[in-house]
Protein backbone atom coordinates (compact mmCIF):
# COMPACT_ATOMS: atom_id res chain seq x y z
CA MET A 1 142.30 14.19 89.85
CA SER A 2 145.31 16.25 88.73
CA LEU A 3 145.59 20.04 88.98
CA GLY A 4 146.17 20.10 85.22
CA THR A 5 142.79 18.50 84.57
CA VAL A 6 141.07 21.08 86.77
CA SER A 7 142.88 23.85 84.93
CA ARG A 8 141.81 22.49 81.55
CA VAL A 9 138.17 22.40 82.64
CA PHE A 10 138.17 26.02 83.81
CA ASN A 11 139.98 27.16 80.68
CA GLY A 12 137.55 25.44 78.34
CA ALA A 13 140.02 22.87 77.05
CA GLU A 14 138.91 19.45 75.89
CA VAL A 15 138.59 16.87 78.69
CA GLY A 16 136.50 13.80 79.28
CA GLU A 17 132.86 14.47 80.15
CA ASP A 18 133.16 12.57 83.44
CA TYR A 19 136.16 14.70 84.50
CA ARG A 20 134.32 17.90 83.55
CA ARG A 21 131.24 16.91 85.55
CA ARG A 22 133.27 16.04 88.65
CA VAL A 23 135.24 19.32 88.52
CA GLU A 24 132.07 21.38 88.06
CA GLU A 25 130.30 19.57 90.91
CA ALA A 26 133.29 20.07 93.22
CA SER A 27 133.58 23.78 92.36
CA ALA A 28 129.87 24.28 92.99
CA ARG A 29 130.09 22.47 96.32
CA LEU A 30 133.11 24.55 97.41
CA GLY A 31 131.76 27.83 96.00
CA TYR A 32 134.82 28.28 93.81
CA HIS A 33 134.80 30.83 91.00
CA LEU A 34 137.52 31.50 88.42
CA ASN A 35 139.33 34.80 89.07
CA THR A 36 139.20 36.32 85.60
CA TYR A 37 141.38 39.28 86.61
CA ALA A 38 144.18 37.05 87.90
CA ARG A 39 143.89 34.94 84.77
CA ALA A 40 144.14 38.07 82.61
CA LEU A 41 147.35 39.09 84.39
CA LYS A 42 148.84 35.65 83.85
CA ILE A 43 148.09 35.48 80.13
CA GLN A 44 148.71 39.25 79.71
CA ARG A 45 145.32 39.79 78.15
CA SER A 46 142.42 41.73 79.64
CA MET A 47 139.69 40.10 77.51
CA CYS A 48 137.94 43.46 77.84
CA ILE A 49 136.67 45.81 75.12
CA ALA A 50 135.82 49.48 75.63
CA LEU A 51 132.51 50.91 74.41
CA VAL A 52 132.94 54.67 73.97
CA LEU A 53 129.49 56.23 73.54
CA PRO A 54 128.28 59.84 73.82
CA SER A 55 125.26 59.01 75.99
CA LEU A 56 122.82 56.33 77.10
CA ARG A 57 119.91 58.76 77.26
CA HIS A 58 119.29 58.26 73.55
CA PRO A 59 117.48 54.89 73.07
CA PHE A 60 119.58 54.06 69.99
CA PHE A 61 122.84 54.37 71.95
CA ALA A 62 121.41 52.27 74.79
CA ARG A 63 120.29 49.62 72.32
CA LEU A 64 123.69 49.59 70.65
CA ALA A 65 125.46 49.16 74.02
CA ASP A 66 123.11 46.30 74.91
CA GLU A 67 123.73 44.44 71.65
CA LEU A 68 127.49 45.00 71.68
CA THR A 69 127.76 43.72 75.26
CA ALA A 70 125.77 40.61 74.38
CA ALA A 71 127.82 39.94 71.24
CA LEU A 72 131.08 40.31 73.20
CA ALA A 73 129.85 37.99 75.94
CA ARG A 74 129.24 35.30 73.34
CA GLU A 75 132.96 35.55 72.51
CA ASN A 76 133.91 35.43 76.24
CA TYR A 77 134.87 39.13 76.31
CA ARG A 78 133.86 41.67 78.91
CA SER A 79 132.85 45.23 78.09
CA LEU A 80 133.90 48.50 79.71
CA LEU A 81 131.29 51.19 79.07
CA MET A 82 132.59 54.77 78.80
CA ILE A 83 130.19 57.70 78.45
CA THR A 84 131.57 60.98 77.09
CA ASN A 85 128.48 63.25 77.18
CA TYR A 86 129.58 64.60 73.80
CA ASP A 87 132.66 66.14 75.44
CA GLU A 88 135.92 65.95 73.49
CA GLN A 89 138.09 65.96 76.61
CA SER A 90 136.11 63.04 78.04
CA GLU A 91 136.67 61.16 74.81
CA GLN A 92 140.41 61.71 75.06
CA ARG A 93 140.43 60.39 78.65
CA CYS A 94 138.64 57.25 77.46
CA PHE A 95 141.20 56.72 74.73
CA ALA A 96 144.04 57.31 77.21
CA LEU A 97 142.80 54.30 79.22
CA ALA A 98 142.91 52.22 76.06
CA ARG A 99 146.53 53.22 75.47
CA GLN A 100 147.37 51.89 78.95
CA ASN A 101 146.41 48.41 77.75
CA ILE A 102 143.39 48.25 80.06
CA VAL A 103 141.34 47.09 77.08
CA GLU A 104 142.15 45.06 73.97
CA GLY A 105 140.01 47.06 71.58
CA VAL A 106 137.61 49.99 71.28
CA PHE A 107 134.18 50.54 69.78
CA ALA A 108 133.89 54.29 69.23
CA LEU A 109 130.85 56.39 68.45
CA THR A 110 132.61 59.71 68.70
CA TYR A 111 131.96 63.24 67.49
CA SER A 112 135.49 64.49 68.10
CA PRO A 113 136.82 66.34 65.03
CA ASP A 114 140.37 65.29 65.98
CA PHE A 115 140.10 61.57 66.56
CA GLU A 116 143.52 60.15 67.38
CA GLN A 117 144.81 56.76 66.30
CA LEU A 118 145.31 54.33 69.19
CA GLY A 119 148.48 52.73 67.89
CA SER A 120 148.18 48.96 67.63
CA ILE A 121 144.87 48.83 69.54
CA PRO A 122 142.08 47.76 67.15
CA VAL A 123 139.21 50.23 66.75
CA VAL A 124 135.82 49.93 65.07
CA SER A 125 133.76 53.10 64.67
CA PHE A 126 130.05 53.66 64.19
CA ASP A 127 128.52 56.16 61.75
CA ARG A 128 131.81 57.90 60.96
CA GLN A 129 134.91 56.74 59.12
CA HIS A 130 137.85 58.36 60.88
CA SER A 131 140.52 57.03 58.54
CA ASP A 132 141.19 54.32 55.98
CA ARG A 133 142.73 52.21 58.76
CA ILE A 134 139.59 52.10 60.92
CA PRO A 135 136.56 50.07 59.78
CA CYS A 136 133.19 51.81 60.16
CA VAL A 137 129.80 50.15 60.73
CA ALA A 138 126.60 52.02 59.82
CA SER A 139 123.13 51.52 58.49
CA ASP A 140 122.51 52.47 54.86
CA ASN A 141 121.57 56.06 55.66
CA PHE A 142 121.26 57.16 52.02
CA ALA A 143 118.83 54.33 51.24
CA GLY A 144 116.95 55.16 54.44
CA GLY A 145 116.54 58.79 53.40
CA ARG A 146 115.27 57.76 49.98
CA MET A 147 112.94 55.21 51.56
CA ALA A 148 111.38 57.86 53.83
CA ALA A 149 110.77 60.31 50.98
CA GLU A 150 109.40 57.63 48.67
CA ARG A 151 107.02 56.42 51.37
CA LEU A 152 105.68 59.89 52.07
CA ILE A 153 105.17 60.48 48.34
CA ALA A 154 103.40 57.12 47.96
CA LEU A 155 101.08 58.09 50.82
CA GLY A 156 100.02 61.23 48.97
CA CYS A 157 102.34 63.92 50.33
CA ARG A 158 103.06 66.67 47.82
CA ARG A 159 105.39 69.03 49.67
CA LEU A 160 108.08 67.50 51.82
CA LEU A 161 110.40 68.73 54.58
CA PHE A 162 113.59 67.23 56.01
CA LEU A 163 114.60 68.30 59.54
CA ARG A 164 117.94 67.48 61.11
CA ILE A 165 119.79 68.21 64.33
CA GLY A 166 123.27 66.73 64.18
CA PRO A 167 127.01 67.16 64.61
CA VAL A 168 129.09 69.67 62.67
CA ILE A 169 131.50 66.96 61.51
CA CYS A 170 130.67 64.87 58.47
CA GLY A 171 129.67 61.25 58.84
CA GLU A 172 127.40 58.54 57.53
CA VAL A 173 124.32 60.13 59.15
CA GLU A 174 124.61 63.08 56.75
CA ARG A 175 123.58 60.70 53.98
CA ARG A 176 119.99 60.59 55.28
CA GLY A 177 119.32 64.08 53.95
CA LEU A 178 121.12 63.33 50.69
CA GLY A 179 118.97 60.27 50.09
CA PHE A 180 115.81 62.21 50.92
CA GLU A 181 116.72 65.00 48.52
CA SER A 182 117.64 62.52 45.79
CA ALA A 183 114.22 60.82 45.95
CA CYS A 184 112.36 64.14 45.97
CA LYS A 185 114.25 65.37 42.89
CA ASP A 186 113.66 62.10 41.05
CA ALA A 187 109.94 62.37 41.74
CA GLY A 188 109.77 66.09 40.95
CA VAL A 189 108.26 66.82 44.38
CA PRO A 190 108.80 70.25 46.04
CA HIS A 191 110.90 69.89 49.16
CA GLU A 192 113.04 71.78 51.65
CA LEU A 193 115.88 70.82 54.01
CA PHE A 194 116.45 72.59 57.33
CA GLN A 195 119.44 71.50 59.39
CA VAL A 196 120.78 72.66 62.76
CA ASN A 197 124.11 71.83 64.40
CA ASP A 198 123.75 69.91 67.65
CA THR A 199 125.85 72.54 69.42
CA GLU A 200 122.80 74.79 69.14
CA THR A 201 119.46 74.49 70.93
CA GLU A 202 116.30 73.29 69.20
CA ALA A 203 115.00 76.87 69.06
CA PRO A 204 115.95 77.33 65.37
CA ILE A 205 113.81 74.30 64.46
CA TYR A 206 110.78 75.75 66.21
CA ARG A 207 111.33 79.18 64.69
CA PHE A 208 111.49 77.58 61.25
CA LEU A 209 108.26 75.67 61.87
CA ASP A 210 106.58 78.84 63.16
CA LYS A 211 107.33 80.62 59.89
CA HIS A 212 105.51 77.92 57.94
CA VAL A 213 102.30 77.81 59.98
CA HIS A 214 99.56 80.07 58.60
CA GLU A 215 96.03 80.23 59.99
CA GLY A 216 96.33 76.81 61.58
CA ARG A 217 97.73 75.14 58.47
CA PHE A 218 101.26 73.87 57.95
CA GLU A 219 102.84 74.48 54.54
CA PHE A 220 104.29 70.96 54.35
CA ASP A 221 102.23 67.77 54.38
CA GLY A 222 105.13 65.34 54.87
CA ILE A 223 108.12 65.53 57.24
CA PHE A 224 111.18 63.31 57.54
CA CYS A 225 113.20 63.82 60.74
CA ASN A 226 116.75 62.51 61.04
CA THR A 227 115.95 60.76 64.35
CA ASP A 228 112.87 59.41 66.08
CA GLY A 229 113.64 61.68 69.03
CA LEU A 230 113.38 64.78 66.87
CA ALA A 231 110.22 63.38 65.27
CA LEU A 232 108.56 63.09 68.68
CA ARG A 233 109.47 66.68 69.57
CA VAL A 234 108.13 67.95 66.24
CA MET A 235 104.91 65.99 66.85
CA LYS A 236 104.51 67.70 70.22
CA TYR A 237 105.10 71.13 68.70
CA LEU A 238 102.57 70.59 65.91
CA ALA A 239 99.98 69.26 68.36
CA GLU A 240 100.29 72.50 70.33
CA LYS A 241 99.45 74.31 67.07
CA ASN A 242 96.38 72.06 66.60
CA ILE A 243 97.97 70.47 63.54
CA ARG A 244 96.99 66.81 63.49
CA ILE A 245 99.33 63.92 62.74
CA PRO A 246 98.83 62.02 60.51
CA ASP A 247 95.61 63.69 59.29
CA ASP A 248 97.18 67.05 58.40
CA VAL A 249 100.87 66.13 58.28
CA GLN A 250 102.48 62.71 57.91
CA LEU A 251 105.81 62.18 59.66
CA ILE A 252 108.65 59.63 59.52
CA GLY A 253 111.68 59.38 61.83
CA TYR A 254 114.85 57.31 61.78
CA ASP A 255 116.22 54.65 64.18
CA GLY A 256 113.36 52.22 64.86
CA ILE A 257 112.87 53.12 68.53
CA LEU A 258 110.30 50.99 70.38
CA ASP A 259 108.06 52.20 73.19
CA PHE A 260 109.25 50.44 76.34
CA ALA A 261 105.75 49.90 77.73
CA THR A 262 104.01 48.63 74.61
CA GLY A 263 106.77 47.41 72.29
CA ASP A 264 105.28 49.47 69.43
CA TYR A 265 107.32 51.83 67.26
CA VAL A 266 107.11 55.34 68.71
CA CYS A 267 106.50 56.77 65.23
CA SER A 268 106.68 55.71 61.61
CA THR A 269 110.37 55.12 61.17
CA ILE A 270 113.35 53.79 59.26
CA VAL A 271 114.57 50.83 61.35
CA GLN A 272 118.29 50.31 61.85
CA PRO A 273 119.30 46.61 62.16
CA VAL A 274 121.20 47.11 65.42
CA PRO A 275 121.76 43.40 66.29
CA GLN A 276 123.35 42.71 62.91
CA MET A 277 125.43 45.88 63.08
CA ALA A 278 126.71 44.98 66.56
CA ALA A 279 127.55 41.39 65.55
CA LYS A 280 129.52 42.62 62.54
CA ALA A 281 131.36 45.21 64.63
CA VAL A 282 132.46 42.55 67.11
CA ASP A 283 133.56 40.24 64.31
CA LEU A 284 135.58 43.06 62.74
CA LEU A 285 137.21 44.10 66.01
CA LEU A 286 138.29 40.60 66.97
CA HIS A 287 139.63 39.83 63.50
CA ILE A 288 141.05 43.13 62.26
CA ASP A 289 143.79 42.39 59.76
CA GLN A 290 146.53 44.98 60.08
CA ALA A 291 147.32 44.38 56.41
CA GLY A 292 144.06 46.12 55.61
CA GLU A 293 141.50 43.44 54.76
CA CYS A 294 138.93 44.55 57.36
CA ARG A 295 138.68 48.22 56.42
CA GLY A 296 136.17 50.54 54.82
CA VAL A 297 132.51 51.23 55.59
CA TYR A 298 130.08 48.38 56.20
CA ARG A 299 126.53 49.59 55.48
CA PHE A 300 123.53 47.51 56.55
CA PRO A 301 120.10 47.54 54.87
CA VAL A 302 117.29 49.36 56.66
CA GLN A 303 113.54 48.73 56.73
CA TYR A 304 110.50 50.95 56.96
CA ALA A 305 107.94 50.46 59.76
CA ALA A 306 104.63 52.29 60.12
CA GLY A 307 104.21 53.64 63.63
CA GLY A 308 101.00 55.65 63.60
CA THR A 309 102.35 58.96 62.27
CA THR A 310 101.52 58.08 58.65
CA ARG A 311 98.09 57.32 57.18
CA GLU A 312 98.39 53.54 57.06
CA PRO A 313 98.03 50.56 59.42
CA ARG A 314 100.75 50.18 62.02
CA THR A 315 103.50 47.65 61.43
CA SER A 316 103.10 44.91 64.02
CA SER A 317 106.31 44.71 66.03
CA ARG A 318 105.07 41.64 67.88
CA PHE A 319 106.09 39.19 65.19
CA SER A 320 109.05 41.06 63.69
CA ALA A 321 112.54 39.67 64.26
CA GLU A 322 113.73 43.15 65.21
CA ALA A 323 111.20 43.50 68.01
CA GLN A 324 111.74 39.99 69.33
CA ILE A 325 115.39 40.79 70.00
CA PHE A 326 114.61 43.98 71.95
CA ASP A 327 111.25 42.95 73.34
CA PRO A 328 110.68 44.74 76.71
CA PHE A 329 108.57 41.76 77.81
CA ARG A 330 111.19 39.23 76.72
CA LYS A 331 111.49 36.11 78.86
CA LEU A 332 114.28 33.58 78.91
CA ASP A 333 111.61 30.94 78.32
CA ARG A 334 110.38 31.78 74.82
CA THR A 335 107.34 29.49 75.34
CA VAL A 336 105.82 32.13 77.64
CA PRO A 337 103.24 34.07 75.56
CA LEU A 338 103.63 37.80 75.14
CA PRO A 339 100.94 40.09 76.60
CA GLU A 340 97.92 40.37 74.34
CA ASN A 341 97.79 44.20 74.53
CA ARG A 342 100.90 44.66 72.41
């Protein structure tokens, strides 16, 4: 068998099935593995994409990294994960590596107010459009904000509150509050918005809540938080004040975070379609047209899921497509039944 035939097999070129089987059997017997780094040097391509994320402590960021890595692997690309811890200097160091041609493209979820272009290196951003040249992928935050307010109103809430901790810079996430306010105004429902920059501590949130608790009663009967994480912290605070959720106050978050142990939504929430967002981001990055065809903001529809913090039956995550993708009990063999306590 010629060296050329062996090379074609390892590079995925078309060869006869008998030749492919013999090469694969021989490589398995000899313990041979393709050196992807040497191959990258030869073809002058790294086949590696950088994922620049602020943290993996937030479940949404971890989920996004997981889905992006899987989508890249399906296209035979490797991923290089870079964590910035919300630090602008760390972000710049990540981008400096990209400029050294270590990676062929960048996915960026960055809060830097001075994002720099990376020359000819393709970039796709999440939740923030840095320029007209960089495509942005996001969920439909405005529709999600409206959906949360409309759901609370439909469940009988008559005075609503929006709470947000977020970056100073503007981005798609800001549209959650705008959508919430739009729905409240359309329905003629009293509402208030209280927002804190993420450079501050959560203390202003708790001081605001303190001001609206009187004799064990909270002035608002419906709360929409801009993330599930904030919703959980607000739930804990209200519980310490003996204010019951959902009996006294109904609460909705945003992200669609699942409890790792049970697979249930951690609270009633607006679910972001992370698998679809990641697949689109990979498609955009690998096919960015420098003439400008793959630009603009790509917004994906969101869904509402009841997670026990509103007065309605929980949404079953067991049979939802969203939960099946990020099922903590997921097995490679899909014939294995899921635990009955989900």
